[in-house]
């Protein structure tokens, strides 16, 4: 089985991704809605932020709502129990998923 959901950053850390999940959520109605949203902001200037700024923004969102990123997505065969139960979780669930894939 070939897995293409692994990215390795410059420091050697493994990042798990699932672009198929994002692509699978797009239906014709959703695509049209996204086109309309893009048309609305077409003339607006882009805002460029550094990685540090993005981390800071994400951290402030997490502080305001600790369950911000606690979503249940992915392949159930590779999910940690706390994710399946809809409980709050940490980055350790990614190691669980990685372990499942490596075991396979």
PDB file of N, CA and C in Angstrom:
ATOM      1  N   UNK A   1       0.838  -1.167   0.000  1.00  0.00           N
ATOM      2  CA  UNK A   1       0.000   0.000   0.000  1.00  0.00           C
ATOM      3  C   UNK A   1       0.892   1.242   0.000  1.00  0.00           C
ATOM      4  N   UNK A   2       0.630   2.151  -0.894  1.00  0.00           N
ATOM      5  CA  UNK A   2       1.412   3.386  -0.981  1.00  0.00           C
ATOM      6  C   UNK A   2       0.642   4.496  -0.302  1.00  0.00           C
ATOM      7  N   UNK A   3       1.289   5.192   0.613  1.00  0.00           N
ATOM      8  CA  UNK A   3       0.655   6.318   1.300  1.00  0.00           C
ATOM      9  C   UNK A   3       1.299   7.593   0.815  1.00  0.00           C
ATOM     10  N   UNK A   4       0.476   8.541   0.409  1.00  0.00           N
ATOM     11  CA  UNK A   4       0.979   9.826  -0.054  1.00  0.00           C
ATOM     12  C   UNK A   4       0.538  10.935   0.883  1.00  0.00           C
ATOM     13  N   UNK A   5       0.224  10.598   2.097  1.00  0.00           N
ATOM     14  CA  UNK A   5      -0.252  11.574   3.063  1.00  0.00           C
ATOM     15  C   UNK A   5       0.847  12.013   4.030  1.00  0.00           C
ATOM     16  N   UNK A   6       2.107  11.787   3.666  1.00  0.00           N
ATOM     17  CA  UNK A   6       3.216  12.182   4.521  1.00  0.00           C
ATOM     18  C   UNK A   6       3.982  13.333   3.898  1.00  0.00           C
ATOM     19  N   UNK A   7       4.237  14.355   4.684  1.00  0.00           N
ATOM     20  CA  UNK A   7       5.118  15.446   4.275  1.00  0.00           C
ATOM     21  C   UNK A   7       6.213  15.517   5.318  1.00  0.00           C
ATOM     22  N   UNK A   8       7.416  15.840   4.887  1.00  0.00           N
ATOM     23  CA  UNK A   8       8.535  15.970   5.823  1.00  0.00           C
ATOM     24  C   UNK A   8       9.032  17.401   5.735  1.00  0.00           C
ATOM     25  N   UNK A   9       9.023  18.096   6.895  1.00  0.00           N
ATOM     26  CA  UNK A   9       9.459  19.490   6.877  1.00  0.00           C
ATOM     27  C   UNK A   9      10.982  19.562   6.899  1.00  0.00           C
ATOM     28  N   UNK A  10      11.553  20.765   6.723  1.00  0.00           N
ATOM     29  CA  UNK A  10      13.014  20.903   6.643  1.00  0.00           C
ATOM     30  C   UNK A  10      13.768  20.368   7.857  1.00  0.00           C
ATOM     31  N   UNK A  11      13.092  20.322   9.022  1.00  0.00           N
ATOM     32  CA  UNK A  11      13.778  19.820  10.219  1.00  0.00           C
ATOM     33  C   UNK A  11      13.607  18.312  10.385  1.00  0.00           C
ATOM     34  N   UNK A  12      12.910  17.660   9.416  1.00  0.00           N
ATOM     35  CA  UNK A  12      12.770  16.208   9.460  1.00  0.00           C
ATOM     36  C   UNK A  12      11.508  15.718  10.152  1.00  0.00           C
ATOM     37  N   UNK A  13      10.654  16.611  10.610  1.00  0.00           N
ATOM     38  CA  UNK A  13       9.413  16.200  11.260  1.00  0.00           C
ATOM     39  C   UNK A  13       8.397  15.748  10.217  1.00  0.00           C
ATOM     40  N   UNK A  14       7.682  14.687  10.538  1.00  0.00           N
ATOM     41  CA  UNK A  14       6.670  14.150   9.632  1.00  0.00           C
ATOM     42  C   UNK A  14       5.353  14.879   9.860  1.00  0.00           C
ATOM     43  N   UNK A  15       4.734  15.290   8.781  1.00  0.00           N
ATOM     44  CA  UNK A  15       3.414  15.921   8.827  1.00  0.00           C
ATOM     45  C   UNK A  15       2.442  14.998   8.107  1.00  0.00           C
ATOM     46  N   UNK A  16       1.316  14.704   8.739  1.00  0.00           N
ATOM     47  CA  UNK A  16       0.294  13.879   8.118  1.00  0.00           C
ATOM     48  C   UNK A  16      -0.712  14.787   7.433  1.00  0.00           C
ATOM     49  N   UNK A  17      -1.093  14.442   6.204  1.00  0.00           N
ATOM     50  CA  UNK A  17      -2.061  15.237   5.468  1.00  0.00           C
ATOM     51  C   UNK A  17      -3.094  14.303   4.844  1.00  0.00           C
ATOM     52  N   UNK A  18      -4.171  14.879   4.390  1.00  0.00           N
ATOM     53  CA  UNK A  18      -5.177  14.096   3.679  1.00  0.00           C
ATOM     54  C   UNK A  18      -5.896  15.017   2.706  1.00  0.00           C
ATOM     55  N   UNK A  19      -5.286  15.234   1.541  1.00  0.00           N
ATOM     56  CA  UNK A  19      -5.880  16.119   0.557  1.00  0.00           C
ATOM     57  C   UNK A  19      -7.097  15.489  -0.100  1.00  0.00           C
ATOM     58  N   UNK A  20      -7.193  14.177  -0.084  1.00  0.00           N
ATOM     59  CA  UNK A  20      -8.366  13.508  -0.622  1.00  0.00           C
ATOM     60  C   UNK A  20      -9.614  13.881   0.152  1.00  0.00           C
ATOM     61  N   UNK A  21      -9.464  14.089   1.446  1.00  0.00           N
ATOM     62  CA  UNK A  21     -10.586  14.498   2.276  1.00  0.00           C
ATOM     63  C   UNK A  21     -11.112  15.851   1.819  1.00  0.00           C
ATOM     64  N   UNK A  22     -10.212  16.777   1.537  1.00  0.00           N
ATOM     65  CA  UNK A  22     -10.614  18.112   1.092  1.00  0.00           C
ATOM     66  C   UNK A  22     -11.279  18.041  -0.275  1.00  0.00           C
ATOM     67  N   UNK A  23     -10.713  17.269  -1.182  1.00  0.00           N
ATOM     68  CA  UNK A  23     -11.265  17.166  -2.534  1.00  0.00           C
ATOM     69  C   UNK A  23     -12.604  16.448  -2.524  1.00  0.00           C
ATOM     70  N   UNK A  24     -12.764  15.473  -1.657  1.00  0.00           N
ATOM     71  CA  UNK A  24     -14.000  14.712  -1.608  1.00  0.00           C
ATOM     72  C   UNK A  24     -15.184  15.520  -1.113  1.00  0.00           C
ATOM     73  N   UNK A  25     -14.929  16.598  -0.385  1.00  0.00           N
ATOM     74  CA  UNK A  25     -16.010  17.410   0.166  1.00  0.00           C
ATOM     75  C   UNK A  25     -16.578  18.383  -0.856  1.00  0.00           C
ATOM     76  N   UNK A  26     -15.962  18.497  -2.025  1.00  0.00           N
ATOM     77  CA  UNK A  26     -16.411  19.473  -3.007  1.00  0.00           C
ATOM     78  C   UNK A  26     -17.455  18.872  -3.937  1.00  0.00           C
ATOM     79  N   UNK A  27     -18.638  19.429  -3.867  1.00  0.00           N
ATOM     80  CA  UNK A  27     -19.687  19.044  -4.798  1.00  0.00           C
ATOM     81  C   UNK A  27     -20.001  20.266  -5.660  1.00  0.00           C
ATOM     82  N   UNK A  28     -20.759  20.125  -6.714  1.00  0.00           N
ATOM     83  CA  UNK A  28     -21.029  21.267  -7.606  1.00  0.00           C
ATOM     84  C   UNK A  28     -21.575  22.496  -6.882  1.00  0.00           C
ATOM     85  N   UNK A  29     -22.469  22.300  -5.929  1.00  0.00           N
ATOM     86  CA  UNK A  29     -23.014  23.433  -5.166  1.00  0.00           C
ATOM     87  C   UNK A  29     -21.951  24.133  -4.354  1.00  0.00           C
ATOM     88  N   UNK A  30     -21.072  23.338  -3.753  1.00  0.00           N
ATOM     89  CA  UNK A  30     -19.979  23.897  -2.943  1.00  0.00           C
ATOM     90  C   UNK A  30     -18.993  24.654  -3.831  1.00  0.00           C
ATOM     91  N   UNK A  31     -18.692  24.108  -4.989  1.00  0.00           N
ATOM     92  CA  UNK A  31     -17.771  24.767  -5.920  1.00  0.00           C
ATOM     93  C   UNK A  31     -18.342  26.118  -6.349  1.00  0.00           C
ATOM     94  N   UNK A  32     -19.632  26.165  -6.650  1.00  0.00           N
ATOM     95  CA  UNK A  32     -20.273  27.423  -7.054  1.00  0.00           C
ATOM     96  C   UNK A  32     -20.227  28.440  -5.913  1.00  0.00           C
ATOM     97  N   UNK A  33     -20.478  27.973  -4.715  1.00  0.00           N
ATOM     98  CA  UNK A  33     -20.426  28.848  -3.539  1.00  0.00           C
ATOM     99  C   UNK A  33     -19.019  29.427  -3.355  1.00  0.00           C
ATOM    100  N   UNK A  34     -17.997  28.580  -3.542  1.00  0.00           N
ATOM    101  CA  UNK A  34     -16.612  29.048  -3.417  1.00  0.00           C
ATOM    102  C   UNK A  34     -16.272  30.065  -4.503  1.00  0.00           C
ATOM    103  N   UNK A  35     -16.773  29.838  -5.727  1.00  0.00           N
ATOM    104  CA  UNK A  35     -16.542  30.794  -6.821  1.00  0.00           C
ATOM    105  C   UNK A  35     -17.143  32.152  -6.467  1.00  0.00           C
ATOM    106  N   UNK A  36     -18.350  32.144  -5.911  1.00  0.00           N
ATOM    107  CA  UNK A  36     -19.002  33.397  -5.517  1.00  0.00           C
ATOM    108  C   UNK A  36     -18.212  34.117  -4.425  1.00  0.00           C
ATOM    109  N   UNK A  37     -17.723  33.355  -3.447  1.00  0.00           N
ATOM    110  CA  UNK A  37     -16.935  33.964  -2.367  1.00  0.00           C
ATOM    111  C   UNK A  37     -15.638  34.561  -2.916  1.00  0.00           C
ATOM    112  N   UNK A  38     -14.999  33.854  -3.845  1.00  0.00           N
ATOM    113  CA  UNK A  38     -13.770  34.374  -4.457  1.00  0.00           C
ATOM    114  C   UNK A  38     -14.049  35.654  -5.246  1.00  0.00           C
ATOM    115  N   UNK A  39     -15.171  35.690  -5.949  1.00  0.00           N
ATOM    116  CA  UNK A  39     -15.527  36.882  -6.724  1.00  0.00           C
ATOM    117  C   UNK A  39     -15.734  38.085  -5.807  1.00  0.00           C
ATOM    118  N   UNK A  40     -16.278  37.847  -4.628  1.00  0.00           N
ATOM    119  CA  UNK A  40     -16.523  38.928  -3.669  1.00  0.00           C
ATOM    120  C   UNK A  40     -15.228  39.566  -3.170  1.00  0.00           C
ATOM    121  N   UNK A  41     -14.171  38.779  -3.065  1.00  0.00           N
ATOM    122  CA  UNK A  41     -12.916  39.300  -2.507  1.00  0.00           C
ATOM    123  C   UNK A  41     -11.833  39.486  -3.570  1.00  0.00           C
ATOM    124  N   UNK A  42     -12.230  39.375  -4.819  1.00  0.00           N
ATOM    125  CA  UNK A  42     -11.270  39.424  -5.923  1.00  0.00           C
ATOM    126  C   UNK A  42     -10.412  40.686  -5.915  1.00  0.00           C
ATOM    127  N   UNK A  43     -11.006  41.812  -5.603  1.00  0.00           N
ATOM    128  CA  UNK A  43     -10.293  43.090  -5.645  1.00  0.00           C
ATOM    129  C   UNK A  43      -9.546  43.423  -4.354  1.00  0.00           C
ATOM    130  N   UNK A  44      -9.755  42.639  -3.313  1.00  0.00           N
ATOM    131  CA  UNK A  44      -9.105  42.921  -2.031  1.00  0.00           C
ATOM    132  C   UNK A  44      -7.632  42.533  -2.083  1.00  0.00           C
ATOM    133  N   UNK A  45      -6.845  43.288  -1.331  1.00  0.00           N
ATOM    134  CA  UNK A  45      -5.407  43.034  -1.277  1.00  0.00           C
ATOM    135  C   UNK A  45      -5.122  41.797  -0.418  1.00  0.00           C
ATOM    136  N   UNK A  46      -4.194  40.973  -0.877  1.00  0.00           N
ATOM    137  CA  UNK A  46      -3.815  39.780  -0.117  1.00  0.00           C
ATOM    138  C   UNK A  46      -3.030  40.170   1.127  1.00  0.00           C
ATOM    139  N   UNK A  47      -3.222  39.411   2.182  1.00  0.00           N
ATOM    140  CA  UNK A  47      -2.483  39.625   3.422  1.00  0.00           C
ATOM    141  C   UNK A  47      -1.483  38.484   3.552  1.00  0.00           C
ATOM    142  N   UNK A  48      -0.225  38.831   3.616  1.00  0.00           N
ATOM    143  CA  UNK A  48       0.819  37.816   3.779  1.00  0.00           C
ATOM    144  C   UNK A  48       1.267  37.807   5.231  1.00  0.00           C
ATOM    145  N   UNK A  49       1.316  36.610   5.807  1.00  0.00           N
ATOM    146  CA  UNK A  49       1.730  36.472   7.199  1.00  0.00           C
ATOM    147  C   UNK A  49       2.853  35.445   7.277  1.00  0.00           C
ATOM    148  N   UNK A  50       3.753  35.683   8.207  1.00  0.00           N
ATOM    149  CA  UNK A  50       4.850  34.738   8.424  1.00  0.00           C
ATOM    150  C   UNK A  50       4.316  33.519   9.179  1.00  0.00           C
ATOM    151  N   UNK A  51       5.111  32.478   9.218  1.00  0.00           N
ATOM    152  CA  UNK A  51       4.735  31.270   9.956  1.00  0.00           C
ATOM    153  C   UNK A  51       4.521  31.597  11.423  1.00  0.00           C
ATOM    154  N   UNK A  52       5.364  32.445  11.970  1.00  0.00           N
ATOM    155  CA  UNK A  52       5.242  32.826  13.382  1.00  0.00           C
ATOM    156  C   UNK A  52       3.925  33.553  13.626  1.00  0.00           C
ATOM    157  N   UNK A  53       3.553  34.455  12.711  1.00  0.00           N
ATOM    158  CA  UNK A  53       2.274  35.161  12.849  1.00  0.00           C
ATOM    159  C   UNK A  53       1.101  34.189  12.774  1.00  0.00           C
ATOM    160  N   UNK A  54       1.177  33.246  11.831  1.00  0.00           N
ATOM    161  CA  UNK A  54       0.101  32.268  11.678  1.00  0.00           C
ATOM    162  C   UNK A  54      -0.036  31.396  12.929  1.00  0.00           C
ATOM    163  N   UNK A  55       1.095  30.987  13.497  1.00  0.00           N
ATOM    164  CA  UNK A  55       1.053  30.185  14.725  1.00  0.00           C
ATOM    165  C   UNK A  55       0.433  30.981  15.864  1.00  0.00           C
ATOM    166  N   UNK A  56       0.774  32.257  15.940  1.00  0.00           N
ATOM    167  CA  UNK A  56       0.234  33.123  16.986  1.00  0.00           C
ATOM    168  C   UNK A  56      -1.282  33.272  16.842  1.00  0.00           C
ATOM    169  N   UNK A  57      -1.752  33.467  15.619  1.00  0.00           N
ATOM    170  CA  UNK A  57      -3.191  33.584  15.368  1.00  0.00           C
ATOM    171  C   UNK A  57      -3.901  32.286  15.744  1.00  0.00           C
ATOM    172  N   UNK A  58      -3.328  31.168  15.311  1.00  0.00           N
ATOM    173  CA  UNK A  58      -3.920  29.868  15.615  1.00  0.00           C
ATOM    174  C   UNK A  58      -3.972  29.649  17.125  1.00  0.00           C
ATOM    175  N   UNK A  59      -2.886  30.009  17.802  1.00  0.00           N
ATOM    176  CA  UNK A  59      -2.820  29.823  19.248  1.00  0.00           C
ATOM    177  C   UNK A  59      -3.893  30.651  19.947  1.00  0.00           C
ATOM    178  N   UNK A  60      -4.101  31.890  19.496  1.00  0.00           N
ATOM    179  CA  UNK A  60      -5.120  32.737  20.116  1.00  0.00           C
ATOM    180  C   UNK A  60      -6.522  32.173  19.873  1.00  0.00           C
ATOM    181  N   UNK A  61      -6.754  31.588  18.703  1.00  0.00           N
ATOM    182  CA  UNK A  61      -8.050  30.962  18.431  1.00  0.00           C
ATOM    183  C   UNK A  61      -8.247  29.764  19.351  1.00  0.00           C
ATOM    184  N   UNK A  62      -7.193  28.968  19.501  1.00  0.00           N
ATOM    185  CA  UNK A  62      -7.268  27.791  20.383  1.00  0.00           C
ATOM    186  C   UNK A  62      -7.510  28.195  21.830  1.00  0.00           C
ATOM    187  N   UNK A  63      -6.924  29.329  22.247  1.00  0.00           N
ATOM    188  CA  UNK A  63      -7.120  29.799  23.621  1.00  0.00           C
ATOM    189  C   UNK A  63      -8.586  30.220  23.822  1.00  0.00           C
ATOM    190  N   UNK A  64      -9.176  30.847  22.812  1.00  0.00           N
ATOM    191  CA  UNK A  64     -10.560  31.295  22.904  1.00  0.00           C
ATOM    192  C   UNK A  64     -11.526  30.110  22.855  1.00  0.00           C
ATOM    193  N   UNK A  65     -11.197  29.102  22.046  1.00  0.00           N
ATOM    194  CA  UNK A  65     -12.053  27.922  21.896  1.00  0.00           C
ATOM    195  C   UNK A  65     -11.168  26.684  21.828  1.00  0.00           C
ATOM    196  N   UNK A  66     -10.924  26.040  22.971  1.00  0.00           N
ATOM    197  CA  UNK A  66     -10.009  24.888  23.005  1.00  0.00           C
ATOM    198  C   UNK A  66     -10.388  23.743  22.069  1.00  0.00           C
ATOM    199  N   UNK A  67     -11.647  23.637  21.685  1.00  0.00           N
ATOM    200  CA  UNK A  67     -12.061  22.552  20.803  1.00  0.00           C
ATOM    201  C   UNK A  67     -12.035  22.960  19.340  1.00  0.00           C
ATOM    202  N   UNK A  68     -11.388  24.087  19.013  1.00  0.00           N
ATOM    203  CA  UNK A  68     -11.348  24.623  17.651  1.00  0.00           C
ATOM    204  C   UNK A  68     -10.938  23.577  16.621  1.00  0.00           C
ATOM    205  N   UNK A  69      -9.892  22.817  16.909  1.00  0.00           N
ATOM    206  CA  UNK A  69      -9.379  21.858  15.928  1.00  0.00           C
ATOM    207  C   UNK A  69      -9.765  20.421  16.251  1.00  0.00           C
ATOM    208  N   UNK A  70     -10.636  20.211  17.216  1.00  0.00           N
ATOM    209  CA  UNK A  70     -11.025  18.853  17.598  1.00  0.00           C
ATOM    210  C   UNK A  70     -12.131  18.338  16.679  1.00  0.00           C
ATOM    211  N   UNK A  71     -11.757  17.969  15.474  1.00  0.00           N
ATOM    212  CA  UNK A  71     -12.737  17.475  14.524  1.00  0.00           C
ATOM    213  C   UNK A  71     -12.532  15.981  14.321  1.00  0.00           C
ATOM    214  N   UNK A  72     -13.570  15.325  13.843  1.00  0.00           N
ATOM    215  CA  UNK A  72     -13.490  13.890  13.589  1.00  0.00           C
ATOM    216  C   UNK A  72     -13.473  13.695  12.080  1.00  0.00           C
ATOM    217  N   UNK A  73     -12.268  13.593  11.532  1.00  0.00           N
ATOM    218  CA  UNK A  73     -12.086  13.364  10.109  1.00  0.00           C
ATOM    219  C   UNK A  73     -10.985  12.329   9.919  1.00  0.00           C
ATOM    220  N   UNK A  74     -11.004  11.700   8.767  1.00  0.00           N
ATOM    221  CA  UNK A  74      -9.958  10.732   8.471  1.00  0.00           C
ATOM    222  C   UNK A  74     -10.516   9.333   8.319  1.00  0.00           C
ATOM    223  N   UNK A  75      -9.628   8.385   8.269  1.00  0.00           N
ATOM    224  CA  UNK A  75      -9.999   6.983   8.100  1.00  0.00           C
ATOM    225  C   UNK A  75     -10.154   6.342   9.472  1.00  0.00           C
ATOM    226  N   UNK A  76     -11.323   5.820   9.798  1.00  0.00           N
ATOM    227  CA  UNK A  76     -11.544   5.231  11.126  1.00  0.00           C
ATOM    228  C   UNK A  76     -10.519   4.164  11.503  1.00  0.00           C
ATOM    229  N   UNK A  77     -10.007   3.430  10.510  1.00  0.00           N
ATOM    230  CA  UNK A  77      -9.029   2.381  10.802  1.00  0.00           C
ATOM    231  C   UNK A  77      -7.746   2.931  11.404  1.00  0.00           C
ATOM    232  N   UNK A  78      -7.473   4.214  11.183  1.00  0.00           N
ATOM    233  CA  UNK A  78      -6.228   4.809  11.663  1.00  0.00           C
ATOM    234  C   UNK A  78      -6.445   5.809  12.789  1.00  0.00           C
ATOM    235  N   UNK A  79      -7.688   5.999  13.218  1.00  0.00           N
ATOM    236  CA  UNK A  79      -7.996   7.004  14.246  1.00  0.00           C
ATOM    237  C   UNK A  79      -7.761   6.481  15.651  1.00  0.00           C
ATOM    238  N   UNK A  80      -7.264   7.367  16.497  1.00  0.00           N
ATOM    239  CA  UNK A  80      -7.114   7.042  17.917  1.00  0.00           C
ATOM    240  C   UNK A  80      -8.501   7.017  18.560  1.00  0.00           C
ATOM    241  N   UNK A  81      -8.623   6.309  19.660  1.00  0.00           N
ATOM    242  CA  UNK A  81      -9.911   6.137  20.340  1.00  0.00           C
ATOM    243  C   UNK A  81     -10.537   7.480  20.727  1.00  0.00           C
ATOM    244  N   UNK A  82      -9.726   8.409  21.259  1.00  0.00           N
ATOM    245  CA  UNK A  82     -10.286   9.686  21.698  1.00  0.00           C
ATOM    246  C   UNK A  82     -10.876  10.483  20.528  1.00  0.00           C
ATOM    247  N   UNK A  83     -10.307  10.320  19.350  1.00  0.00           N
ATOM    248  CA  UNK A  83     -10.845  10.989  18.168  1.00  0.00           C
ATOM    249  C   UNK A  83     -12.188  10.371  17.791  1.00  0.00           C
ATOM    250  N   UNK A  84     -12.249   9.055  17.769  1.00  0.00           N
ATOM    251  CA  UNK A  84     -13.489   8.351  17.425  1.00  0.00           C
ATOM    252  C   UNK A  84     -14.613   8.678  18.403  1.00  0.00           C
ATOM    253  N   UNK A  85     -14.254   8.879  19.657  1.00  0.00           N
ATOM    254  CA  UNK A  85     -15.268   9.182  20.673  1.00  0.00           C
ATOM    255  C   UNK A  85     -15.658  10.654  20.694  1.00  0.00           C
ATOM    256  N   UNK A  86     -14.983  11.476  19.874  1.00  0.00           N
ATOM    257  CA  UNK A  86     -15.292  12.905  19.848  1.00  0.00           C
ATOM    258  C   UNK A  86     -14.753  13.652  21.045  1.00  0.00           C
ATOM    259  N   UNK A  87     -13.762  13.068  21.718  1.00  0.00           N
ATOM    260  CA  UNK A  87     -13.160  13.709  22.885  1.00  0.00           C
ATOM    261  C   UNK A  87     -12.057  14.656  22.449  1.00  0.00           C
ATOM    262  N   UNK A  88     -11.684  15.534  23.341  1.00  0.00           N
ATOM    263  CA  UNK A  88     -10.574  16.444  23.075  1.00  0.00           C
ATOM    264  C   UNK A  88      -9.297  15.622  22.909  1.00  0.00           C
ATOM    265  N   UNK A  89      -8.413  16.057  22.014  1.00  0.00           N
ATOM    266  CA  UNK A  89      -7.188  15.300  21.789  1.00  0.00           C
ATOM    267  C   UNK A  89      -6.005  16.218  21.534  1.00  0.00           C
ATOM    268  N   UNK A  90      -4.823  15.618  21.565  1.00  0.00           N
ATOM    269  CA  UNK A  90      -3.584  16.359  21.327  1.00  0.00           C
ATOM    270  C   UNK A  90      -2.924  15.812  20.070  1.00  0.00           C
ATOM    271  N   UNK A  91      -1.730  16.298  19.783  1.00  0.00           N
ATOM    272  CA  UNK A  91      -0.985  15.837  18.609  1.00  0.00           C
ATOM    273  C   UNK A  91      -0.663  14.350  18.663  1.00  0.00           C
ATOM    274  N   UNK A  92      -0.786  13.739  19.835  1.00  0.00           N
ATOM    275  CA  UNK A  92      -0.440  12.321  19.959  1.00  0.00           C
ATOM    276  C   UNK A  92      -1.309  11.438  19.072  1.00  0.00           C
ATOM    277  N   UNK A  93      -2.510  11.905  18.700  1.00  0.00           N
ATOM    278  CA  UNK A  93      -3.360  11.100  17.814  1.00  0.00           C
ATOM    279  C   UNK A  93      -2.713  10.940  16.443  1.00  0.00           C
ATOM    280  N   UNK A  94      -1.893  11.909  16.040  1.00  0.00           N
ATOM    281  CA  UNK A  94      -1.185  11.792  14.764  1.00  0.00           C
ATOM    282  C   UNK A  94      -0.146  10.676  14.827  1.00  0.00           C
ATOM    283  N   UNK A  95       0.496  10.535  15.979  1.00  0.00           N
ATOM    284  CA  UNK A  95       1.467   9.447  16.136  1.00  0.00           C
ATOM    285  C   UNK A  95       0.758   8.094  16.115  1.00  0.00           C
ATOM    286  N   UNK A  96      -0.435   8.044  16.691  1.00  0.00           N
ATOM    287  CA  UNK A  96      -1.221   6.814  16.644  1.00  0.00           C
ATOM    288  C   UNK A  96      -1.490   6.425  15.180  1.00  0.00           C
ATOM    289  N   UNK A  97      -1.971   7.402  14.400  1.00  0.00           N
ATOM    290  CA  UNK A  97      -2.273   7.145  12.989  1.00  0.00           C
ATOM    291  C   UNK A  97      -1.024   6.716  12.223  1.00  0.00           C
ATOM    292  N   UNK A  98       0.077   7.400  12.478  1.00  0.00           N
ATOM    293  CA  UNK A  98       1.328   7.048  11.828  1.00  0.00           C
ATOM    294  C   UNK A  98       1.738   5.625  12.189  1.00  0.00           C
ATOM    295  N   UNK A  99       1.588   5.268  13.467  1.00  0.00           N
ATOM    296  CA  UNK A  99       1.920   3.916  13.911  1.00  0.00           C
ATOM    297  C   UNK A  99       1.076   2.856  13.220  1.00  0.00           C
ATOM    298  N   UNK A 100      -0.214   3.150  13.053  1.00  0.00           N
ATOM    299  CA  UNK A 100      -1.117   2.211  12.352  1.00  0.00           C
ATOM    300  C   UNK A 100      -0.653   1.995  10.908  1.00  0.00           C
ATOM    301  N   UNK A 101      -0.300   3.099  10.251  1.00  0.00           N
ATOM    302  CA  UNK A 101       0.110   3.008   8.856  1.00  0.00           C
ATOM    303  C   UNK A 101       1.455   2.269   8.736  1.00  0.00           C
ATOM    304  N   UNK A 102       2.382   2.564   9.635  1.00  0.00           N
ATOM    305  CA  UNK A 102       3.673   1.869   9.603  1.00  0.00           C
ATOM    306  C   UNK A 102       3.512   0.389   9.907  1.00  0.00           C
ATOM    307  N   UNK A 103       2.621   0.046  10.831  1.00  0.00           N
ATOM    308  CA  UNK A 103       2.369  -1.341  11.158  1.00  0.00           C
ATOM    309  C   UNK A 103       1.827  -2.085   9.933  1.00  0.00           C
ATOM    310  N   UNK A 104       0.921  -1.419   9.228  1.00  0.00           N
ATOM    311  CA  UNK A 104       0.329  -2.014   8.041  1.00  0.00           C
ATOM    312  C   UNK A 104       1.390  -2.305   6.986  1.00  0.00           C
TER     313      UNK A 104
END
